[in-house]
Amino acid sequence: QYPLWLGKGGWLRVWELERQLTQAQGRND
């Protein structure tokens, strides 16, 4: 479970990248 939640490609990293993507798309718009 450790790599799934806290690893390089884990869920926490995915959620952070999705948040950054949403912000970047808003700025681009």
PDB file of all heavy atoms in Angstrom:
ATOM      1  N   GLN A   1       0.805  -1.216   0.000  1.00  0.00           N
ATOM      2  CA  GLN A   1       0.000   0.000   0.000  1.00  0.00           C
ATOM      3  C   GLN A   1       0.839   1.267   0.000  1.00  0.00           C
ATOM      4  O   GLN A   1       0.403   2.301  -0.484  1.00  0.00           O
ATOM      5  CB  GLN A   1      -0.925   0.012   1.222  1.00  0.00           C
ATOM      6  CG  GLN A   1      -2.043  -0.982   1.158  1.00  0.00           C
ATOM      7  CD  GLN A   1      -3.046  -0.628   0.084  1.00  0.00           C
ATOM      8  OE1 GLN A   1      -3.482   0.507  -0.003  1.00  0.00           O
ATOM      9  NE2 GLN A   1      -3.402  -1.590  -0.737  1.00  0.00           N
ATOM     10  N   TYR A   2       2.038   1.227   0.561  1.00  0.00           N
ATOM     11  CA  TYR A   2       2.877   2.429   0.662  1.00  0.00           C
ATOM     12  C   TYR A   2       3.105   3.082  -0.701  1.00  0.00           C
ATOM     13  O   TYR A   2       2.857   4.276  -0.853  1.00  0.00           O
ATOM     14  CB  TYR A   2       4.211   2.093   1.344  1.00  0.00           C
ATOM     15  CG  TYR A   2       5.147   3.264   1.370  1.00  0.00           C
ATOM     16  CD1 TYR A   2       4.979   4.280   2.295  1.00  0.00           C
ATOM     17  CD2 TYR A   2       6.171   3.394   0.435  1.00  0.00           C
ATOM     18  CE1 TYR A   2       5.814   5.378   2.319  1.00  0.00           C
ATOM     19  CE2 TYR A   2       7.016   4.496   0.441  1.00  0.00           C
ATOM     20  CZ  TYR A   2       6.831   5.484   1.382  1.00  0.00           C
ATOM     21  OH  TYR A   2       7.657   6.564   1.392  1.00  0.00           O
ATOM     22  N   PRO A   3       3.573   2.369  -1.732  1.00  0.00           N
ATOM     23  CA  PRO A   3       3.780   3.046  -3.018  1.00  0.00           C
ATOM     24  C   PRO A   3       2.475   3.547  -3.643  1.00  0.00           C
ATOM     25  O   PRO A   3       2.462   4.552  -4.340  1.00  0.00           O
ATOM     26  CB  PRO A   3       4.416   1.982  -3.916  1.00  0.00           C
ATOM     27  CG  PRO A   3       4.752   0.833  -3.066  1.00  0.00           C
ATOM     28  CD  PRO A   3       4.037   0.994  -1.764  1.00  0.00           C
ATOM     29  N   LEU A   4       1.372   2.830  -3.356  1.00  0.00           N
ATOM     30  CA  LEU A   4       0.093   3.249  -3.916  1.00  0.00           C
ATOM     31  C   LEU A   4      -0.327   4.619  -3.383  1.00  0.00           C
ATOM     32  O   LEU A   4      -0.812   5.458  -4.133  1.00  0.00           O
ATOM     33  CB  LEU A   4      -0.989   2.215  -3.606  1.00  0.00           C
ATOM     34  CG  LEU A   4      -2.400   2.559  -4.065  1.00  0.00           C
ATOM     35  CD1 LEU A   4      -2.451   2.599  -5.587  1.00  0.00           C
ATOM     36  CD2 LEU A   4      -3.396   1.567  -3.526  1.00  0.00           C
ATOM     37  N   TRP A   5      -0.133   4.883  -2.122  1.00  0.00           N
ATOM     38  CA  TRP A   5      -0.567   6.131  -1.521  1.00  0.00           C
ATOM     39  C   TRP A   5       0.513   7.195  -1.461  1.00  0.00           C
ATOM     40  O   TRP A   5       0.249   8.370  -1.680  1.00  0.00           O
ATOM     41  CB  TRP A   5      -1.096   5.881  -0.106  1.00  0.00           C
ATOM     42  CG  TRP A   5      -2.364   5.103  -0.130  1.00  0.00           C
ATOM     43  CD1 TRP A   5      -2.500   3.773   0.061  1.00  0.00           C
ATOM     44  CD2 TRP A   5      -3.660   5.618  -0.394  1.00  0.00           C
ATOM     45  NE1 TRP A   5      -3.801   3.406  -0.054  1.00  0.00           N
ATOM     46  CE2 TRP A   5      -4.553   4.524  -0.335  1.00  0.00           C
ATOM     47  CE3 TRP A   5      -4.172   6.877  -0.669  1.00  0.00           C
ATOM     48  CZ2 TRP A   5      -5.917   4.654  -0.533  1.00  0.00           C
ATOM     49  CZ3 TRP A   5      -5.524   7.009  -0.866  1.00  0.00           C
ATOM     50  CH2 TRP A   5      -6.388   5.905  -0.801  1.00  0.00           C
ATOM     51  N   LEU A   6       1.745   6.803  -1.126  1.00  0.00           N
ATOM     52  CA  LEU A   6       2.779   7.783  -0.862  1.00  0.00           C
ATOM     53  C   LEU A   6       3.948   7.729  -1.843  1.00  0.00           C
ATOM     54  O   LEU A   6       4.848   8.559  -1.760  1.00  0.00           O
ATOM     55  CB  LEU A   6       3.315   7.604   0.575  1.00  0.00           C
ATOM     56  CG  LEU A   6       2.255   7.672   1.670  1.00  0.00           C
ATOM     57  CD1 LEU A   6       2.856   7.284   3.006  1.00  0.00           C
ATOM     58  CD2 LEU A   6       1.636   9.041   1.743  1.00  0.00           C
ATOM     59  N   GLY A   7       3.969   6.807  -2.758  1.00  0.00           N
ATOM     60  CA  GLY A   7       5.091   6.648  -3.677  1.00  0.00           C
ATOM     61  C   GLY A   7       5.106   7.701  -4.768  1.00  0.00           C
ATOM     62  O   GLY A   7       4.291   8.635  -4.809  1.00  0.00           O
ATOM     63  N   LYS A   8       6.046   7.553  -5.703  1.00  0.00           N
ATOM     64  CA  LYS A   8       6.250   8.530  -6.770  1.00  0.00           C
ATOM     65  C   LYS A   8       5.005   8.700  -7.645  1.00  0.00           C
ATOM     66  O   LYS A   8       4.660   9.799  -8.046  1.00  0.00           O
ATOM     67  CB  LYS A   8       7.448   8.096  -7.615  1.00  0.00           C
ATOM     68  CG  LYS A   8       7.848   9.104  -8.646  1.00  0.00           C
ATOM     69  CD  LYS A   8       9.121   8.699  -9.365  1.00  0.00           C
ATOM     70  CE  LYS A   8       9.532   9.769 -10.347  1.00  0.00           C
ATOM     71  NZ  LYS A   8      10.762   9.418 -11.040  1.00  0.00           N
ATOM     72  N   GLY A   9       4.333   7.631  -7.954  1.00  0.00           N
ATOM     73  CA  GLY A   9       3.120   7.708  -8.781  1.00  0.00           C
ATOM     74  C   GLY A   9       1.878   7.427  -7.975  1.00  0.00           C
ATOM     75  O   GLY A   9       0.865   6.994  -8.518  1.00  0.00           O
ATOM     76  N   GLY A  10       1.902   7.706  -6.678  1.00  0.00           N
ATOM     77  CA  GLY A  10       0.784   7.393  -5.803  1.00  0.00           C
ATOM     78  C   GLY A  10      -0.375   8.369  -5.947  1.00  0.00           C
ATOM     79  O   GLY A  10      -0.314   9.384  -6.656  1.00  0.00           O
ATOM     80  N   TRP A  11      -1.443   8.038  -5.213  1.00  0.00           N
ATOM     81  CA  TRP A  11      -2.662   8.826  -5.302  1.00  0.00           C
ATOM     82  C   TRP A  11      -2.468  10.259  -4.823  1.00  0.00           C
ATOM     83  O   TRP A  11      -3.042  11.190  -5.392  1.00  0.00           O
ATOM     84  CB  TRP A  11      -3.783   8.159  -4.490  1.00  0.00           C
ATOM     85  CG  TRP A  11      -4.370   6.980  -5.196  1.00  0.00           C
ATOM     86  CD1 TRP A  11      -4.198   5.672  -4.870  1.00  0.00           C
ATOM     87  CD2 TRP A  11      -5.195   7.006  -6.356  1.00  0.00           C
ATOM     88  NE1 TRP A  11      -4.861   4.878  -5.759  1.00  0.00           N
ATOM     89  CE2 TRP A  11      -5.496   5.673  -6.688  1.00  0.00           C
ATOM     90  CE3 TRP A  11      -5.708   8.008  -7.150  1.00  0.00           C
ATOM     91  CZ2 TRP A  11      -6.274   5.331  -7.768  1.00  0.00           C
ATOM     92  CZ3 TRP A  11      -6.491   7.674  -8.227  1.00  0.00           C
ATOM     93  CH2 TRP A  11      -6.768   6.345  -8.528  1.00  0.00           C
ATOM     94  N   LEU A  12      -1.685  10.451  -3.797  1.00  0.00           N
ATOM     95  CA  LEU A  12      -1.470  11.816  -3.308  1.00  0.00           C
ATOM     96  C   LEU A  12      -0.799  12.677  -4.376  1.00  0.00           C
ATOM     97  O   LEU A  12      -1.161  13.841  -4.570  1.00  0.00           O
ATOM     98  CB  LEU A  12      -0.635  11.795  -2.024  1.00  0.00           C
ATOM     99  CG  LEU A  12      -1.290  11.134  -0.815  1.00  0.00           C
ATOM    100  CD1 LEU A  12      -0.319  11.103   0.365  1.00  0.00           C
ATOM    101  CD2 LEU A  12      -2.566  11.861  -0.430  1.00  0.00           C
ATOM    102  N   ARG A  13       0.165  12.114  -5.064  1.00  0.00           N
ATOM    103  CA  ARG A  13       0.849  12.837  -6.144  1.00  0.00           C
ATOM    104  C   ARG A  13      -0.110  13.105  -7.300  1.00  0.00           C
ATOM    105  O   ARG A  13      -0.107  14.193  -7.886  1.00  0.00           O
ATOM    106  CB  ARG A  13       2.061  12.021  -6.610  1.00  0.00           C
ATOM    107  CG  ARG A  13       2.815  12.629  -7.738  1.00  0.00           C
ATOM    108  CD  ARG A  13       3.685  13.765  -7.256  1.00  0.00           C
ATOM    109  NE  ARG A  13       4.534  14.197  -8.369  1.00  0.00           N
ATOM    110  CZ  ARG A  13       4.793  15.454  -8.625  1.00  0.00           C
ATOM    111  NH1 ARG A  13       4.350  16.392  -7.831  1.00  0.00           N
ATOM    112  NH2 ARG A  13       5.537  15.781  -9.647  1.00  0.00           N
ATOM    113  N   VAL A  14      -0.943  12.148  -7.617  1.00  0.00           N
ATOM    114  CA  VAL A  14      -1.927  12.318  -8.692  1.00  0.00           C
ATOM    115  C   VAL A  14      -2.903  13.436  -8.351  1.00  0.00           C
ATOM    116  O   VAL A  14      -3.221  14.282  -9.195  1.00  0.00           O
ATOM    117  CB  VAL A  14      -2.674  10.992  -8.963  1.00  0.00           C
ATOM    118  CG1 VAL A  14      -3.868  11.202  -9.885  1.00  0.00           C
ATOM    119  CG2 VAL A  14      -1.729   9.961  -9.551  1.00  0.00           C
ATOM    120  N   TRP A  15      -3.382  13.472  -7.114  1.00  0.00           N
ATOM    121  CA  TRP A  15      -4.317  14.526  -6.715  1.00  0.00           C
ATOM    122  C   TRP A  15      -3.650  15.906  -6.795  1.00  0.00           C
ATOM    123  O   TRP A  15      -4.263  16.869  -7.225  1.00  0.00           O
ATOM    124  CB  TRP A  15      -4.820  14.280  -5.304  1.00  0.00           C
ATOM    125  CG  TRP A  15      -5.789  13.133  -5.196  1.00  0.00           C
ATOM    126  CD1 TRP A  15      -6.601  12.658  -6.172  1.00  0.00           C
ATOM    127  CD2 TRP A  15      -6.028  12.337  -4.044  1.00  0.00           C
ATOM    128  NE1 TRP A  15      -7.336  11.597  -5.715  1.00  0.00           N
ATOM    129  CE2 TRP A  15      -7.009  11.380  -4.393  1.00  0.00           C
ATOM    130  CE3 TRP A  15      -5.521  12.322  -2.754  1.00  0.00           C
ATOM    131  CZ2 TRP A  15      -7.488  10.438  -3.507  1.00  0.00           C
ATOM    132  CZ3 TRP A  15      -6.010  11.383  -1.864  1.00  0.00           C
ATOM    133  CH2 TRP A  15      -6.973  10.451  -2.240  1.00  0.00           C
ATOM    134  N   GLU A  16      -2.395  15.989  -6.371  1.00  0.00           N
ATOM    135  CA  GLU A  16      -1.673  17.263  -6.435  1.00  0.00           C
ATOM    136  C   GLU A  16      -1.486  17.700  -7.895  1.00  0.00           C
ATOM    137  O   GLU A  16      -1.670  18.872  -8.230  1.00  0.00           O
ATOM    138  CB  GLU A  16      -0.309  17.131  -5.744  1.00  0.00           C
ATOM    139  CG  GLU A  16       0.559  18.355  -5.845  1.00  0.00           C
ATOM    140  CD  GLU A  16      -0.011  19.589  -5.168  1.00  0.00           C
ATOM    141  OE1 GLU A  16      -0.854  19.457  -4.255  1.00  0.00           O
ATOM    142  OE2 GLU A  16       0.381  20.700  -5.561  1.00  0.00           O
ATOM    143  N   LEU A  17      -1.135  16.781  -8.760  1.00  0.00           N
ATOM    144  CA  LEU A  17      -0.956  17.119 -10.178  1.00  0.00           C
ATOM    145  C   LEU A  17      -2.276  17.532 -10.828  1.00  0.00           C
ATOM    146  O   LEU A  17      -2.297  18.441 -11.669  1.00  0.00           O
ATOM    147  CB  LEU A  17      -0.323  15.950 -10.926  1.00  0.00           C
ATOM    148  CG  LEU A  17       1.140  15.664 -10.591  1.00  0.00           C
ATOM    149  CD1 LEU A  17       1.610  14.401 -11.292  1.00  0.00           C
ATOM    150  CD2 LEU A  17       2.022  16.836 -10.956  1.00  0.00           C
ATOM    151  N   GLU A  18      -3.376  16.890 -10.449  1.00  0.00           N
ATOM    152  CA  GLU A  18      -4.683  17.280 -10.984  1.00  0.00           C
ATOM    153  C   GLU A  18      -5.057  18.698 -10.538  1.00  0.00           C
ATOM    154  O   GLU A  18      -5.600  19.481 -11.319  1.00  0.00           O
ATOM    155  CB  GLU A  18      -5.759  16.288 -10.546  1.00  0.00           C
ATOM    156  CG  GLU A  18      -5.707  14.970 -11.292  1.00  0.00           C
ATOM    157  CD  GLU A  18      -6.751  13.978 -10.811  1.00  0.00           C
ATOM    158  OE1 GLU A  18      -7.401  14.224  -9.764  1.00  0.00           O
ATOM    159  OE2 GLU A  18      -6.913  12.947 -11.472  1.00  0.00           O
ATOM    160  N   ARG A  19      -4.743  19.045  -9.287  1.00  0.00           N
ATOM    161  CA  ARG A  19      -5.009  20.394  -8.788  1.00  0.00           C
ATOM    162  C   ARG A  19      -4.175  21.422  -9.562  1.00  0.00           C
ATOM    163  O   ARG A  19      -4.684  22.460  -9.979  1.00  0.00           O
ATOM    164  CB  ARG A  19      -4.690  20.470  -7.295  1.00  0.00           C
ATOM    165  CG  ARG A  19      -5.057  21.797  -6.654  1.00  0.00           C
ATOM    166  CD  ARG A  19      -4.595  21.883  -5.209  1.00  0.00           C
ATOM    167  NE  ARG A  19      -3.145  21.839  -5.085  1.00  0.00           N
ATOM    168  CZ  ARG A  19      -2.324  22.875  -5.283  1.00  0.00           C
ATOM    169  NH1 ARG A  19      -2.827  24.031  -5.633  1.00  0.00           N
ATOM    170  NH2 ARG A  19      -1.027  22.739  -5.137  1.00  0.00           N
ATOM    171  N   GLN A  20      -2.895  21.109  -9.792  1.00  0.00           N
ATOM    172  CA  GLN A  20      -2.032  22.012 -10.551  1.00  0.00           C
ATOM    173  C   GLN A  20      -2.523  22.149 -11.991  1.00  0.00           C
ATOM    174  O   GLN A  20      -2.479  23.248 -12.564  1.00  0.00           O
ATOM    175  CB  GLN A  20      -0.590  21.515 -10.528  1.00  0.00           C
ATOM    176  CG  GLN A  20       0.079  21.647  -9.191  1.00  0.00           C
ATOM    177  CD  GLN A  20       1.485  21.057  -9.199  1.00  0.00           C
ATOM    178  OE1 GLN A  20       1.969  20.563 -10.216  1.00  0.00           O
ATOM    179  NE2 GLN A  20       2.142  21.100  -8.045  1.00  0.00           N
ATOM    180  N   LEU A  21      -2.992  21.043 -12.570  1.00  0.00           N
ATOM    181  CA  LEU A  21      -3.514  21.079 -13.936  1.00  0.00           C
ATOM    182  C   LEU A  21      -4.749  21.962 -14.029  1.00  0.00           C
ATOM    183  O   LEU A  21      -4.884  22.767 -14.959  1.00  0.00           O
ATOM    184  CB  LEU A  21      -3.843  19.657 -14.404  1.00  0.00           C
ATOM    185  CG  LEU A  21      -4.448  19.527 -15.789  1.00  0.00           C
ATOM    186  CD1 LEU A  21      -3.457  19.971 -16.857  1.00  0.00           C
ATOM    187  CD2 LEU A  21      -4.898  18.107 -16.036  1.00  0.00           C
ATOM    188  N   THR A  22      -5.634  21.873 -13.064  1.00  0.00           N
ATOM    189  CA  THR A  22      -6.843  22.697 -13.056  1.00  0.00           C
ATOM    190  C   THR A  22      -6.484  24.180 -12.951  1.00  0.00           C
ATOM    191  O   THR A  22      -7.057  25.015 -13.660  1.00  0.00           O
ATOM    192  CB  THR A  22      -7.754  22.292 -11.880  1.00  0.00           C
ATOM    193  OG1 THR A  22      -8.061  20.902 -11.997  1.00  0.00           O
ATOM    194  CG2 THR A  22      -9.034  23.094 -11.875  1.00  0.00           C
ATOM    195  N   GLN A  23      -5.525  24.508 -12.091  1.00  0.00           N
ATOM    196  CA  GLN A  23      -5.093  25.897 -11.967  1.00  0.00           C
ATOM    197  C   GLN A  23      -4.469  26.395 -13.268  1.00  0.00           C
ATOM    198  O   GLN A  23      -4.739  27.518 -13.710  1.00  0.00           O
ATOM    199  CB  GLN A  23      -4.087  26.044 -10.825  1.00  0.00           C
ATOM    200  CG  GLN A  23      -4.690  25.936  -9.453  1.00  0.00           C
ATOM    201  CD  GLN A  23      -3.635  26.036  -8.359  1.00  0.00           C
ATOM    202  OE1 GLN A  23      -2.444  25.916  -8.607  1.00  0.00           O
ATOM    203  NE2 GLN A  23      -4.093  26.243  -7.137  1.00  0.00           N
ATOM    204  N   ALA A  24      -3.634  25.582 -13.896  1.00  0.00           N
ATOM    205  CA  ALA A  24      -2.987  25.986 -15.148  1.00  0.00           C
ATOM    206  C   ALA A  24      -4.021  26.189 -16.253  1.00  0.00           C
ATOM    207  O   ALA A  24      -3.915  27.128 -17.048  1.00  0.00           O
ATOM    208  CB  ALA A  24      -1.947  24.954 -15.559  1.00  0.00           C
ATOM    209  N   GLN A  25      -5.026  25.323 -16.305  1.00  0.00           N
ATOM    210  CA  GLN A  25      -6.071  25.480 -17.318  1.00  0.00           C
ATOM    211  C   GLN A  25      -6.867  26.752 -17.087  1.00  0.00           C
ATOM    212  O   GLN A  25      -7.236  27.441 -18.046  1.00  0.00           O
ATOM    213  CB  GLN A  25      -6.996  24.262 -17.316  1.00  0.00           C
ATOM    214  CG  GLN A  25      -6.363  23.031 -17.917  1.00  0.00           C
ATOM    215  CD  GLN A  25      -7.234  21.791 -17.778  1.00  0.00           C
ATOM    216  OE1 GLN A  25      -8.117  21.727 -16.924  1.00  0.00           O
ATOM    217  NE2 GLN A  25      -6.968  20.794 -18.605  1.00  0.00           N
ATOM    218  N   GLY A  26      -7.135  27.099 -15.840  1.00  0.00           N
ATOM    219  CA  GLY A  26      -7.836  28.350 -15.533  1.00  0.00           C
ATOM    220  C   GLY A  26      -7.033  29.558 -15.970  1.00  0.00           C
ATOM    221  O   GLY A  26      -7.574  30.500 -16.562  1.00  0.00           O
ATOM    222  N   ARG A  27      -5.723  29.554 -15.689  1.00  0.00           N
ATOM    223  CA  ARG A  27      -4.861  30.655 -16.129  1.00  0.00           C
ATOM    224  C   ARG A  27      -4.819  30.728 -17.650  1.00  0.00           C
ATOM    225  O   ARG A  27      -4.862  31.826 -18.231  1.00  0.00           O
ATOM    226  CB  ARG A  27      -3.444  30.482 -15.575  1.00  0.00           C
ATOM    227  CG  ARG A  27      -3.307  30.832 -14.116  1.00  0.00           C
ATOM    228  CD  ARG A  27      -1.849  30.917 -13.678  1.00  0.00           C
ATOM    229  NE  ARG A  27      -1.075  29.730 -14.006  1.00  0.00           N
ATOM    230  CZ  ARG A  27      -0.833  28.707 -13.189  1.00  0.00           C
ATOM    231  NH1 ARG A  27      -1.311  28.729 -11.969  1.00  0.00           N
ATOM    232  NH2 ARG A  27      -0.113  27.674 -13.593  1.00  0.00           N
ATOM    233  N   ASN A  28      -4.730  29.575 -18.304  1.00  0.00           N
ATOM    234  CA  ASN A  28      -4.703  29.562 -19.766  1.00  0.00           C
ATOM    235  C   ASN A  28      -5.990  30.122 -20.360  1.00  0.00           C
ATOM    236  O   ASN A  28      -5.952  30.851 -21.358  1.00  0.00           O
ATOM    237  CB  ASN A  28      -4.457  28.148 -20.284  1.00  0.00           C
ATOM    238  CG  ASN A  28      -3.022  27.710 -20.113  1.00  0.00           C
ATOM    239  OD1 ASN A  28      -2.140  28.514 -19.851  1.00  0.00           O
ATOM    240  ND2 ASN A  28      -2.789  26.417 -20.250  1.00  0.00           N
ATOM    241  N   ASP A  29      -7.128  29.786 -19.769  1.00  0.00           N
ATOM    242  CA  ASP A  29      -8.404  30.310 -20.265  1.00  0.00           C
ATOM    243  C   ASP A  29      -8.457  31.832 -20.153  1.00  0.00           C
ATOM    244  O   ASP A  29      -8.897  32.522 -21.073  1.00  0.00           O
ATOM    245  CB  ASP A  29      -9.575  29.690 -19.504  1.00  0.00           C
ATOM    246  CG  ASP A  29      -9.764  28.207 -19.825  1.00  0.00           C
ATOM    247  OD1 ASP A  29      -9.244  27.753 -20.872  1.00  0.00           O
ATOM    248  OD2 ASP A  29     -10.414  27.512 -19.020  1.00  0.00           O
TER     249      ASP A  29
END
